[in-house]
């Protein structure tokens, strides 16, 4: 069970109602993280219209706690979306540190495709005209665009993919593929799209230039 006791240490978190940033204490931030994780899981299985009591039960809190942090359902939906965008964007530098450039790019695009696929159920809500959702498209672009651009630049510099790919175009392309079919079909199409990025690359078969022979001639 999560409690609402206060402990020293404040955090500024961007998941206050309406997208405003507010300071919360360390344990309150943990409470919010747990609540958002529970909401994400419930939304994935039961949709964004799932009863608040189902979300509260999964998070181990009372219904009143949910409404105290997120007075409107739209505030909770928007906060879950921003949290998932942050996680997807944050995966880019981690993958870049662990894998060669083209592998990191491919892994991130597959992760992004899973993010889009799991957000199919949010599409109607996000386009409902609710003011709580108005900042989300810009938030999406401002975080995921630079994340993808950094991976594309590294892969292009390594000669593994073509250098004329616009990150916003690629985000839209993968998004359209994921929203237009089944998960399995979308994954196959994303793999084909990744293969297409290698067309016109300097060294399409590898992440680095071919080794030069030491033999004379």
C-alpha atoms as a PDB file:
ATOM      1  CA  UNK A   1       0.000   0.000   0.000  1.00  0.00           C
ATOM      2  CA  UNK A   2       1.306   3.426  -0.924  1.00  0.00           C
ATOM      3  CA  UNK A   3       0.952   6.202   1.635  1.00  0.00           C
ATOM      4  CA  UNK A   4       1.071   9.967   1.292  1.00  0.00           C
ATOM      5  CA  UNK A   5       3.485  10.783   4.117  1.00  0.00           C
ATOM      6  CA  UNK A   6       5.937  13.554   3.346  1.00  0.00           C
ATOM      7  CA  UNK A   7       9.702  13.230   3.491  1.00  0.00           C
ATOM      8  CA  UNK A   8      12.412  15.830   2.773  1.00  0.00           C
ATOM      9  CA  UNK A   9      13.440  16.485  -0.804  1.00  0.00           C
ATOM     10  CA  UNK A  10      11.401  18.139  -3.531  1.00  0.00           C
ATOM     11  CA  UNK A  11      11.195  17.200  -7.212  1.00  0.00           C
ATOM     12  CA  UNK A  12       9.762  19.151 -10.120  1.00  0.00           C
ATOM     13  CA  UNK A  13       7.672  16.800 -12.220  1.00  0.00           C
ATOM     14  CA  UNK A  14       5.822  17.589 -15.485  1.00  0.00           C
ATOM     15  CA  UNK A  15       2.826  15.419 -14.728  1.00  0.00           C
ATOM     16  CA  UNK A  16       0.638  17.850 -12.825  1.00  0.00           C
ATOM     17  CA  UNK A  17      -2.871  18.368 -14.190  1.00  0.00           C
ATOM     18  CA  UNK A  18      -2.811  20.329 -17.439  1.00  0.00           C
ATOM     19  CA  UNK A  19       0.882  19.640 -17.973  1.00  0.00           C
ATOM     20  CA  UNK A  20       2.036  22.228 -15.409  1.00  0.00           C
ATOM     21  CA  UNK A  21       5.239  21.538 -13.525  1.00  0.00           C
ATOM     22  CA  UNK A  22       4.932  21.344  -9.759  1.00  0.00           C
ATOM     23  CA  UNK A  23       7.220  20.377  -6.929  1.00  0.00           C
ATOM     24  CA  UNK A  24       6.530  17.176  -5.036  1.00  0.00           C
ATOM     25  CA  UNK A  25       8.471  15.417  -2.338  1.00  0.00           C
ATOM     26  CA  UNK A  26      10.492  12.274  -2.951  1.00  0.00           C
ATOM     27  CA  UNK A  27       7.923   9.807  -1.675  1.00  0.00           C
ATOM     28  CA  UNK A  28       5.093  11.630  -3.463  1.00  0.00           C
ATOM     29  CA  UNK A  29       7.037  11.307  -6.704  1.00  0.00           C
ATOM     30  CA  UNK A  30       7.358   7.570  -6.111  1.00  0.00           C
ATOM     31  CA  UNK A  31       3.624   7.434  -5.497  1.00  0.00           C
ATOM     32  CA  UNK A  32       2.951   9.213  -8.784  1.00  0.00           C
ATOM     33  CA  UNK A  33       5.360   6.935 -10.676  1.00  0.00           C
ATOM     34  CA  UNK A  34       3.605   3.870  -9.264  1.00  0.00           C
ATOM     35  CA  UNK A  35       0.222   5.309 -10.120  1.00  0.00           C
ATOM     36  CA  UNK A  36       1.271   6.136 -13.697  1.00  0.00           C
ATOM     37  CA  UNK A  37       2.726   2.662 -14.210  1.00  0.00           C
ATOM     38  CA  UNK A  38      -0.517   1.132 -12.971  1.00  0.00           C
ATOM     39  CA  UNK A  39      -2.560   3.406 -15.241  1.00  0.00           C
ATOM     40  CA  UNK A  40      -0.407   2.463 -18.230  1.00  0.00           C
ATOM     41  CA  UNK A  41      -0.996  -1.241 -17.593  1.00  0.00           C
ATOM     42  CA  UNK A  42      -4.732  -0.798 -17.092  1.00  0.00           C
ATOM     43  CA  UNK A  43      -5.069   1.385 -20.193  1.00  0.00           C
ATOM     44  CA  UNK A  44      -3.253  -1.293 -22.222  1.00  0.00           C
ATOM     45  CA  UNK A  45      -5.656  -4.023 -21.154  1.00  0.00           C
ATOM     46  CA  UNK A  46      -8.928  -2.220 -20.450  1.00  0.00           C
ATOM     47  CA  UNK A  47      -8.681   1.038 -22.415  1.00  0.00           C
ATOM     48  CA  UNK A  48      -8.516   4.633 -21.256  1.00  0.00           C
ATOM     49  CA  UNK A  49     -12.111   4.490 -20.029  1.00  0.00           C
ATOM     50  CA  UNK A  50     -11.310   1.819 -17.444  1.00  0.00           C
ATOM     51  CA  UNK A  51     -12.771   2.484 -13.978  1.00  0.00           C
ATOM     52  CA  UNK A  52     -10.538   4.607 -11.769  1.00  0.00           C
ATOM     53  CA  UNK A  53     -10.980   2.033  -8.989  1.00  0.00           C
ATOM     54  CA  UNK A  54      -9.200  -0.529 -11.223  1.00  0.00           C
ATOM     55  CA  UNK A  55      -6.214   1.795 -11.586  1.00  0.00           C
ATOM     56  CA  UNK A  56      -6.212   2.597  -7.878  1.00  0.00           C
ATOM     57  CA  UNK A  57      -6.348  -1.094  -6.931  1.00  0.00           C
ATOM     58  CA  UNK A  58      -3.413  -1.949  -9.190  1.00  0.00           C
ATOM     59  CA  UNK A  59      -1.389   0.923  -7.747  1.00  0.00           C
ATOM     60  CA  UNK A  60      -2.304   0.000  -4.180  1.00  0.00           C
ATOM     61  CA  UNK A  61      -3.896   3.345  -3.354  1.00  0.00           C
ATOM     62  CA  UNK A  62      -7.356   4.654  -2.650  1.00  0.00           C
ATOM     63  CA  UNK A  63      -9.491   6.179  -5.373  1.00  0.00           C
ATOM     64  CA  UNK A  64      -9.190   9.518  -3.587  1.00  0.00           C
ATOM     65  CA  UNK A  65      -5.415   9.456  -4.087  1.00  0.00           C
ATOM     66  CA  UNK A  66      -5.871   9.112  -7.836  1.00  0.00           C
ATOM     67  CA  UNK A  67      -8.213  12.092  -7.954  1.00  0.00           C
ATOM     68  CA  UNK A  68      -5.963  14.126  -5.665  1.00  0.00           C
ATOM     69  CA  UNK A  69      -3.085  13.856  -8.143  1.00  0.00           C
ATOM     70  CA  UNK A  70      -5.217  13.820 -11.309  1.00  0.00           C
ATOM     71  CA  UNK A  71      -8.626  15.470 -10.824  1.00  0.00           C
ATOM     72  CA  UNK A  72      -9.666  14.725 -14.412  1.00  0.00           C
ATOM     73  CA  UNK A  73      -9.194  11.481 -16.344  1.00  0.00           C
ATOM     74  CA  UNK A  74      -7.630  13.491 -19.182  1.00  0.00           C
ATOM     75  CA  UNK A  75      -4.894  14.666 -16.796  1.00  0.00           C
ATOM     76  CA  UNK A  76      -4.009  11.047 -16.017  1.00  0.00           C
ATOM     77  CA  UNK A  77      -4.060   9.993 -19.670  1.00  0.00           C
ATOM     78  CA  UNK A  78      -1.806  12.915 -20.631  1.00  0.00           C
ATOM     79  CA  UNK A  79       0.619  12.162 -17.805  1.00  0.00           C
ATOM     80  CA  UNK A  80       0.889   8.504 -18.861  1.00  0.00           C
ATOM     81  CA  UNK A  81       1.561   9.588 -22.449  1.00  0.00           C
ATOM     82  CA  UNK A  82       4.304  12.053 -21.420  1.00  0.00           C
ATOM     83  CA  UNK A  83       5.925   9.455 -19.174  1.00  0.00           C
ATOM     84  CA  UNK A  84       6.058   6.956 -22.031  1.00  0.00           C
ATOM     85  CA  UNK A  85       7.470   9.572 -24.410  1.00  0.00           C
ATOM     86  CA  UNK A  86      10.186  10.356 -21.864  1.00  0.00           C
ATOM     87  CA  UNK A  87      11.065   6.664 -21.519  1.00  0.00           C
ATOM     88  CA  UNK A  88      11.246   6.165 -25.275  1.00  0.00           C
ATOM     89  CA  UNK A  89      13.409   9.251 -25.770  1.00  0.00           C
ATOM     90  CA  UNK A  90      15.659   8.237 -22.879  1.00  0.00           C
ATOM     91  CA  UNK A  91      16.313   4.862 -24.487  1.00  0.00           C
ATOM     92  CA  UNK A  92      18.204   6.497 -27.383  1.00  0.00           C
ATOM     93  CA  UNK A  93      21.430   7.424 -25.532  1.00  0.00           C
ATOM     94  CA  UNK A  94      21.366   4.131 -23.641  1.00  0.00           C
ATOM     95  CA  UNK A  95      21.156   2.124 -26.865  1.00  0.00           C
ATOM     96  CA  UNK A  96      23.827   4.298 -28.496  1.00  0.00           C
ATOM     97  CA  UNK A  97      26.190   3.498 -25.625  1.00  0.00           C
ATOM     98  CA  UNK A  98      25.567  -0.246 -25.850  1.00  0.00           C
ATOM     99  CA  UNK A  99      25.445  -0.955 -29.602  1.00  0.00           C
ATOM    100  CA  UNK A 100      27.070   0.024 -32.905  1.00  0.00           C
ATOM    101  CA  UNK A 101      25.254   2.947 -34.591  1.00  0.00           C
ATOM    102  CA  UNK A 102      23.032   1.013 -36.994  1.00  0.00           C
ATOM    103  CA  UNK A 103      22.087  -1.571 -34.388  1.00  0.00           C
ATOM    104  CA  UNK A 104      21.224   1.194 -31.924  1.00  0.00           C
ATOM    105  CA  UNK A 105      19.058   2.931 -34.534  1.00  0.00           C
ATOM    106  CA  UNK A 106      17.265  -0.306 -35.443  1.00  0.00           C
ATOM    107  CA  UNK A 107      16.660  -1.214 -31.803  1.00  0.00           C
ATOM    108  CA  UNK A 108      15.270   2.246 -31.055  1.00  0.00           C
ATOM    109  CA  UNK A 109      12.929   2.218 -34.046  1.00  0.00           C
ATOM    110  CA  UNK A 110      11.554  -1.147 -32.924  1.00  0.00           C
ATOM    111  CA  UNK A 111      11.084   0.221 -29.415  1.00  0.00           C
ATOM    112  CA  UNK A 112       9.353   3.283 -30.833  1.00  0.00           C
ATOM    113  CA  UNK A 113       7.082   1.049 -32.920  1.00  0.00           C
ATOM    114  CA  UNK A 114       6.046  -0.831 -29.766  1.00  0.00           C
ATOM    115  CA  UNK A 115       5.364   2.489 -28.061  1.00  0.00           C
ATOM    116  CA  UNK A 116       3.080   3.534 -30.929  1.00  0.00           C
ATOM    117  CA  UNK A 117       1.340   0.150 -31.039  1.00  0.00           C
ATOM    118  CA  UNK A 118       0.494   0.270 -27.339  1.00  0.00           C
ATOM    119  CA  UNK A 119      -0.922   3.783 -27.747  1.00  0.00           C
ATOM    120  CA  UNK A 120      -3.526   2.814 -30.368  1.00  0.00           C
ATOM    121  CA  UNK A 121      -6.197   2.913 -27.696  1.00  0.00           C
ATOM    122  CA  UNK A 122      -5.262   6.481 -26.809  1.00  0.00           C
ATOM    123  CA  UNK A 123      -5.758   7.811 -30.326  1.00  0.00           C
ATOM    124  CA  UNK A 124      -9.419   8.736 -29.914  1.00  0.00           C
ATOM    125  CA  UNK A 125      -8.807  10.352 -26.548  1.00  0.00           C
ATOM    126  CA  UNK A 126      -5.795  12.326 -27.738  1.00  0.00           C
ATOM    127  CA  UNK A 127      -7.810  13.724 -30.661  1.00  0.00           C
ATOM    128  CA  UNK A 128     -10.913  14.479 -28.610  1.00  0.00           C
ATOM    129  CA  UNK A 129     -10.236  18.196 -28.379  1.00  0.00           C
ATOM    130  CA  UNK A 130      -9.739  18.120 -24.607  1.00  0.00           C
ATOM    131  CA  UNK A 131      -7.430  21.028 -23.613  1.00  0.00           C
ATOM    132  CA  UNK A 132      -5.333  18.657 -21.488  1.00  0.00           C
ATOM    133  CA  UNK A 133      -4.117  16.986 -24.685  1.00  0.00           C
ATOM    134  CA  UNK A 134      -3.260  20.122 -26.682  1.00  0.00           C
ATOM    135  CA  UNK A 135       0.439  20.262 -25.630  1.00  0.00           C
ATOM    136  CA  UNK A 136       1.083  16.577 -26.333  1.00  0.00           C
ATOM    137  CA  UNK A 137       1.899  16.672 -30.092  1.00  0.00           C
ATOM    138  CA  UNK A 138       4.579  19.310 -29.468  1.00  0.00           C
ATOM    139  CA  UNK A 139       5.876  17.350 -26.471  1.00  0.00           C
ATOM    140  CA  UNK A 140       6.086  14.250 -28.685  1.00  0.00           C
ATOM    141  CA  UNK A 141       8.085  16.038 -31.400  1.00  0.00           C
ATOM    142  CA  UNK A 142      10.362  17.939 -29.020  1.00  0.00           C
ATOM    143  CA  UNK A 143      11.488  14.774 -27.249  1.00  0.00           C
ATOM    144  CA  UNK A 144      11.407  11.994 -29.841  1.00  0.00           C
ATOM    145  CA  UNK A 145      12.642  14.045 -32.811  1.00  0.00           C
ATOM    146  CA  UNK A 146      16.047  14.879 -31.277  1.00  0.00           C
ATOM    147  CA  UNK A 147      16.398  11.350 -29.881  1.00  0.00           C
ATOM    148  CA  UNK A 148      15.962   9.826 -33.334  1.00  0.00           C
ATOM    149  CA  UNK A 149      18.077  12.509 -35.004  1.00  0.00           C
ATOM    150  CA  UNK A 150      21.069  11.690 -32.799  1.00  0.00           C
ATOM    151  CA  UNK A 151      20.852   8.002 -33.738  1.00  0.00           C
ATOM    152  CA  UNK A 152      20.400   8.766 -37.438  1.00  0.00           C
ATOM    153  CA  UNK A 153      23.391  11.112 -37.438  1.00  0.00           C
ATOM    154  CA  UNK A 154      25.618   8.505 -35.806  1.00  0.00           C
ATOM    155  CA  UNK A 155      24.521   5.759 -38.187  1.00  0.00           C
ATOM    156  CA  UNK A 156      24.948   8.027 -41.230  1.00  0.00           C
ATOM    157  CA  UNK A 157      28.410   9.107 -40.039  1.00  0.00           C
ATOM    158  CA  UNK A 158      29.349   5.437 -39.774  1.00  0.00           C
ATOM    159  CA  UNK A 159      28.162   4.927 -43.346  1.00  0.00           C
ATOM    160  CA  UNK A 160      25.513   2.429 -42.230  1.00  0.00           C
ATOM    161  CA  UNK A 161      22.420   4.338 -43.407  1.00  0.00           C
ATOM    162  CA  UNK A 162      21.732   7.039 -45.950  1.00  0.00           C
ATOM    163  CA  UNK A 163      22.332  10.604 -44.785  1.00  0.00           C
ATOM    164  CA  UNK A 164      19.245  12.336 -46.196  1.00  0.00           C
ATOM    165  CA  UNK A 165      16.605  10.923 -43.825  1.00  0.00           C
ATOM    166  CA  UNK A 166      14.507  13.491 -41.977  1.00  0.00           C
ATOM    167  CA  UNK A 167      13.782  12.287 -38.403  1.00  0.00           C
ATOM    168  CA  UNK A 168      10.277  13.753 -38.374  1.00  0.00           C
ATOM    169  CA  UNK A 169       9.457  11.982 -41.647  1.00  0.00           C
ATOM    170  CA  UNK A 170      10.736   8.713 -40.209  1.00  0.00           C
ATOM    171  CA  UNK A 171       8.721   9.125 -37.005  1.00  0.00           C
ATOM    172  CA  UNK A 172       5.579   9.662 -39.068  1.00  0.00           C
ATOM    173  CA  UNK A 173       6.354   6.732 -41.364  1.00  0.00           C
ATOM    174  CA  UNK A 174       6.829   4.279 -38.509  1.00  0.00           C
ATOM    175  CA  UNK A 175       3.772   5.686 -36.753  1.00  0.00           C
ATOM    176  CA  UNK A 176       1.594   5.182 -39.818  1.00  0.00           C
ATOM    177  CA  UNK A 177       2.820   1.615 -40.235  1.00  0.00           C
ATOM    178  CA  UNK A 178       2.067   0.778 -36.608  1.00  0.00           C
ATOM    179  CA  UNK A 179      -1.387   2.317 -36.599  1.00  0.00           C
ATOM    180  CA  UNK A 180      -2.546   0.738 -39.834  1.00  0.00           C
ATOM    181  CA  UNK A 181      -2.248  -2.993 -39.122  1.00  0.00           C
ATOM    182  CA  UNK A 182      -1.620  -5.791 -36.662  1.00  0.00           C
ATOM    183  CA  UNK A 183       1.359  -5.747 -34.318  1.00  0.00           C
ATOM    184  CA  UNK A 184       3.087  -8.579 -36.202  1.00  0.00           C
ATOM    185  CA  UNK A 185       2.463  -6.989 -39.591  1.00  0.00           C
ATOM    186  CA  UNK A 186       3.634  -3.605 -38.385  1.00  0.00           C
ATOM    187  CA  UNK A 187       6.830  -5.109 -36.989  1.00  0.00           C
ATOM    188  CA  UNK A 188       7.624  -6.730 -40.335  1.00  0.00           C
ATOM    189  CA  UNK A 189       7.001  -3.458 -42.167  1.00  0.00           C
ATOM    190  CA  UNK A 190       9.228  -1.558 -39.748  1.00  0.00           C
ATOM    191  CA  UNK A 191      11.999  -4.098 -40.393  1.00  0.00           C
ATOM    192  CA  UNK A 192      11.609  -3.463 -44.121  1.00  0.00           C
ATOM    193  CA  UNK A 193      11.735   0.273 -43.504  1.00  0.00           C
ATOM    194  CA  UNK A 194      14.963  -0.149 -41.538  1.00  0.00           C
ATOM    195  CA  UNK A 195      16.414  -2.137 -44.454  1.00  0.00           C
ATOM    196  CA  UNK A 196      15.403   0.726 -46.737  1.00  0.00           C
ATOM    197  CA  UNK A 197      17.449   3.182 -44.670  1.00  0.00           C
ATOM    198  CA  UNK A 198      20.552   1.264 -45.716  1.00  0.00           C
ATOM    199  CA  UNK A 199      19.863   1.850 -49.419  1.00  0.00           C
ATOM    200  CA  UNK A 200      22.314   4.476 -50.635  1.00  0.00           C
ATOM    201  CA  UNK A 201      24.503   4.238 -47.518  1.00  0.00           C
ATOM    202  CA  UNK A 202      28.266   4.389 -47.960  1.00  0.00           C
ATOM    203  CA  UNK A 203      28.805   1.027 -46.253  1.00  0.00           C
ATOM    204  CA  UNK A 204      25.351  -0.591 -46.113  1.00  0.00           C
ATOM    205  CA  UNK A 205      26.562  -3.993 -44.947  1.00  0.00           C
ATOM    206  CA  UNK A 206      28.353  -2.800 -41.809  1.00  0.00           C
ATOM    207  CA  UNK A 207      28.521  -0.142 -39.147  1.00  0.00           C
ATOM    208  CA  UNK A 208      32.025   0.918 -40.123  1.00  0.00           C
ATOM    209  CA  UNK A 209      34.126   1.280 -43.287  1.00  0.00           C
ATOM    210  CA  UNK A 210      35.699  -1.906 -44.620  1.00  0.00           C
ATOM    211  CA  UNK A 211      39.174  -2.610 -43.345  1.00  0.00           C
ATOM    212  CA  UNK A 212      41.984  -1.560 -45.641  1.00  0.00           C
ATOM    213  CA  UNK A 213      44.387  -4.284 -46.754  1.00  0.00           C
ATOM    214  CA  UNK A 214      48.023  -3.875 -45.735  1.00  0.00           C
ATOM    215  CA  UNK A 215      49.142  -5.602 -48.924  1.00  0.00           C
ATOM    216  CA  UNK A 216      50.880  -3.432 -51.442  1.00  0.00           C
ATOM    217  CA  UNK A 217      49.825  -3.016 -55.019  1.00  0.00           C
END
